[in-house]
């Protein structure tokens, strides 16, 4: 019975220590301006982020033709509609509309 109690106490103490270490690492990273997951991260130009501000993810758009989500910077905008590629924009533009579509 003592062995089981000792194992439970060791487990609780180990969990507490692990949580304290994670909290300390997060606090240290916050003070230095970097997060643990983003250390060594680079910006779009390939340079390391010197400002320390987190970079927001690029917005995604939904292709009108196929429904695939693509980054807004890689998308093609035609007549106010967003497409994942120029080929889909052309295919959508070539599709008959109105009475011709029937």
C-alpha atoms as a PDB file:
ATOM      1  CA  UNK A   1       0.000   0.000   0.000  1.00  0.00           C
ATOM      2  CA  UNK A   2       2.887   2.347   0.791  1.00  0.00           C
ATOM      3  CA  UNK A   3       4.385   1.773  -2.651  1.00  0.00           C
ATOM      4  CA  UNK A   4       1.169   2.801  -4.402  1.00  0.00           C
ATOM      5  CA  UNK A   5       0.882   5.916  -2.245  1.00  0.00           C
ATOM      6  CA  UNK A   6       4.531   6.767  -2.970  1.00  0.00           C
ATOM      7  CA  UNK A   7       3.975   6.359  -6.718  1.00  0.00           C
ATOM      8  CA  UNK A   8       0.932   8.640  -6.615  1.00  0.00           C
ATOM      9  CA  UNK A   9       2.857  11.299  -4.676  1.00  0.00           C
ATOM     10  CA  UNK A  10       5.809  11.075  -7.092  1.00  0.00           C
ATOM     11  CA  UNK A  11       3.457  11.389 -10.067  1.00  0.00           C
ATOM     12  CA  UNK A  12       1.751  14.496  -8.619  1.00  0.00           C
ATOM     13  CA  UNK A  13       5.088  16.111  -7.761  1.00  0.00           C
ATOM     14  CA  UNK A  14       6.445  15.338 -11.243  1.00  0.00           C
ATOM     15  CA  UNK A  15       3.390  16.875 -12.911  1.00  0.00           C
ATOM     16  CA  UNK A  16       3.693  19.960 -10.722  1.00  0.00           C
ATOM     17  CA  UNK A  17       7.389  20.352 -11.605  1.00  0.00           C
ATOM     18  CA  UNK A  18       6.732  19.925 -15.337  1.00  0.00           C
ATOM     19  CA  UNK A  19       3.991  22.558 -15.218  1.00  0.00           C
ATOM     20  CA  UNK A  20       6.241  24.947 -13.272  1.00  0.00           C
ATOM     21  CA  UNK A  21       9.028  24.521 -15.845  1.00  0.00           C
ATOM     22  CA  UNK A  22       6.635  25.165 -18.750  1.00  0.00           C
ATOM     23  CA  UNK A  23       5.312  28.274 -16.998  1.00  0.00           C
ATOM     24  CA  UNK A  24       8.871  29.502 -16.391  1.00  0.00           C
ATOM     25  CA  UNK A  25       9.848  28.913 -20.057  1.00  0.00           C
ATOM     26  CA  UNK A  26       6.748  30.773 -21.257  1.00  0.00           C
ATOM     27  CA  UNK A  27       7.497  33.679 -18.933  1.00  0.00           C
ATOM     28  CA  UNK A  28      11.130  33.833 -20.086  1.00  0.00           C
ATOM     29  CA  UNK A  29      10.098  33.695 -23.752  1.00  0.00           C
ATOM     30  CA  UNK A  30       7.538  36.444 -23.216  1.00  0.00           C
ATOM     31  CA  UNK A  31      10.144  38.687 -21.625  1.00  0.00           C
ATOM     32  CA  UNK A  32      12.561  38.151 -24.515  1.00  0.00           C
ATOM     33  CA  UNK A  33       9.825  38.732 -27.107  1.00  0.00           C
ATOM     34  CA  UNK A  34       9.779  35.280 -28.673  1.00  0.00           C
ATOM     35  CA  UNK A  35       7.551  32.298 -28.134  1.00  0.00           C
ATOM     36  CA  UNK A  36       8.952  28.792 -27.729  1.00  0.00           C
ATOM     37  CA  UNK A  37       7.243  27.569 -30.914  1.00  0.00           C
ATOM     38  CA  UNK A  38       8.348  30.554 -33.009  1.00  0.00           C
ATOM     39  CA  UNK A  39      12.033  30.751 -32.072  1.00  0.00           C
ATOM     40  CA  UNK A  40      14.070  31.020 -35.236  1.00  0.00           C
ATOM     41  CA  UNK A  41      10.991  31.798 -37.328  1.00  0.00           C
ATOM     42  CA  UNK A  42      11.439  33.954 -40.382  1.00  0.00           C
ATOM     43  CA  UNK A  43       9.147  36.426 -42.061  1.00  0.00           C
ATOM     44  CA  UNK A  44       8.011  36.363 -45.702  1.00  0.00           C
ATOM     45  CA  UNK A  45      11.335  37.851 -46.890  1.00  0.00           C
ATOM     46  CA  UNK A  46      13.348  35.106 -45.200  1.00  0.00           C
ATOM     47  CA  UNK A  47      14.744  37.445 -42.541  1.00  0.00           C
ATOM     48  CA  UNK A  48      14.383  36.803 -38.857  1.00  0.00           C
ATOM     49  CA  UNK A  49      11.638  38.859 -37.232  1.00  0.00           C
ATOM     50  CA  UNK A  50      13.379  41.707 -35.419  1.00  0.00           C
ATOM     51  CA  UNK A  51      10.265  43.525 -34.218  1.00  0.00           C
ATOM     52  CA  UNK A  52       9.223  40.708 -31.876  1.00  0.00           C
ATOM     53  CA  UNK A  53       5.567  41.227 -32.835  1.00  0.00           C
ATOM     54  CA  UNK A  54       3.731  38.044 -33.813  1.00  0.00           C
ATOM     55  CA  UNK A  55       3.008  37.742 -37.514  1.00  0.00           C
ATOM     56  CA  UNK A  56      -0.633  37.156 -38.396  1.00  0.00           C
ATOM     57  CA  UNK A  57      -1.515  34.391 -40.809  1.00  0.00           C
ATOM     58  CA  UNK A  58      -2.482  35.410 -44.325  1.00  0.00           C
ATOM     59  CA  UNK A  59      -6.261  35.397 -44.904  1.00  0.00           C
ATOM     60  CA  UNK A  60      -7.667  32.540 -46.954  1.00  0.00           C
ATOM     61  CA  UNK A  61     -10.204  32.878 -49.767  1.00  0.00           C
ATOM     62  CA  UNK A  62     -12.573  30.276 -51.206  1.00  0.00           C
ATOM     63  CA  UNK A  63     -12.338  29.580 -54.952  1.00  0.00           C
ATOM     64  CA  UNK A  64     -15.664  30.200 -56.718  1.00  0.00           C
ATOM     65  CA  UNK A  65     -14.984  27.386 -59.190  1.00  0.00           C
ATOM     66  CA  UNK A  66     -13.780  24.484 -57.038  1.00  0.00           C
ATOM     67  CA  UNK A  67     -14.317  25.606 -53.439  1.00  0.00           C
ATOM     68  CA  UNK A  68     -10.696  25.107 -52.395  1.00  0.00           C
ATOM     69  CA  UNK A  69      -9.315  27.606 -49.863  1.00  0.00           C
ATOM     70  CA  UNK A  70      -6.131  29.359 -50.986  1.00  0.00           C
ATOM     71  CA  UNK A  71      -4.011  32.167 -49.493  1.00  0.00           C
ATOM     72  CA  UNK A  72      -5.269  35.595 -50.534  1.00  0.00           C
ATOM     73  CA  UNK A  73      -1.826  36.526 -51.904  1.00  0.00           C
ATOM     74  CA  UNK A  74      -1.858  33.536 -54.283  1.00  0.00           C
ATOM     75  CA  UNK A  75      -5.453  34.002 -55.428  1.00  0.00           C
ATOM     76  CA  UNK A  76      -6.714  35.526 -58.674  1.00  0.00           C
ATOM     77  CA  UNK A  77      -9.508  38.117 -58.437  1.00  0.00           C
ATOM     78  CA  UNK A  78     -11.679  38.543 -61.549  1.00  0.00           C
ATOM     79  CA  UNK A  79     -14.808  40.708 -61.579  1.00  0.00           C
ATOM     80  CA  UNK A  80     -14.897  40.705 -57.774  1.00  0.00           C
ATOM     81  CA  UNK A  81     -14.791  36.899 -57.543  1.00  0.00           C
ATOM     82  CA  UNK A  82     -11.838  35.019 -56.082  1.00  0.00           C
ATOM     83  CA  UNK A  83     -10.242  31.978 -57.711  1.00  0.00           C
ATOM     84  CA  UNK A  84      -7.406  29.696 -56.618  1.00  0.00           C
ATOM     85  CA  UNK A  85      -5.736  29.873 -60.059  1.00  0.00           C
ATOM     86  CA  UNK A  86      -5.923  31.642 -63.411  1.00  0.00           C
ATOM     87  CA  UNK A  87      -7.098  28.415 -65.055  1.00  0.00           C
ATOM     88  CA  UNK A  88     -10.156  28.282 -62.801  1.00  0.00           C
ATOM     89  CA  UNK A  89     -10.893  31.949 -63.500  1.00  0.00           C
ATOM     90  CA  UNK A  90     -10.804  31.273 -67.250  1.00  0.00           C
ATOM     91  CA  UNK A  91     -12.925  28.129 -66.937  1.00  0.00           C
ATOM     92  CA  UNK A  92     -15.510  29.976 -64.834  1.00  0.00           C
ATOM     93  CA  UNK A  93     -15.543  32.896 -67.297  1.00  0.00           C
ATOM     94  CA  UNK A  94     -16.054  30.541 -70.261  1.00  0.00           C
ATOM     95  CA  UNK A  95     -19.062  28.880 -68.638  1.00  0.00           C
ATOM     96  CA  UNK A  96     -22.350  29.908 -70.321  1.00  0.00           C
ATOM     97  CA  UNK A  97     -24.690  32.106 -68.305  1.00  0.00           C
ATOM     98  CA  UNK A  98     -28.329  33.118 -68.493  1.00  0.00           C
ATOM     99  CA  UNK A  99     -30.415  31.520 -71.262  1.00  0.00           C
ATOM    100  CA  UNK A 100     -27.342  29.838 -72.790  1.00  0.00           C
ATOM    101  CA  UNK A 101     -26.820  27.798 -69.604  1.00  0.00           C
ATOM    102  CA  UNK A 102     -30.062  25.843 -70.080  1.00  0.00           C
END
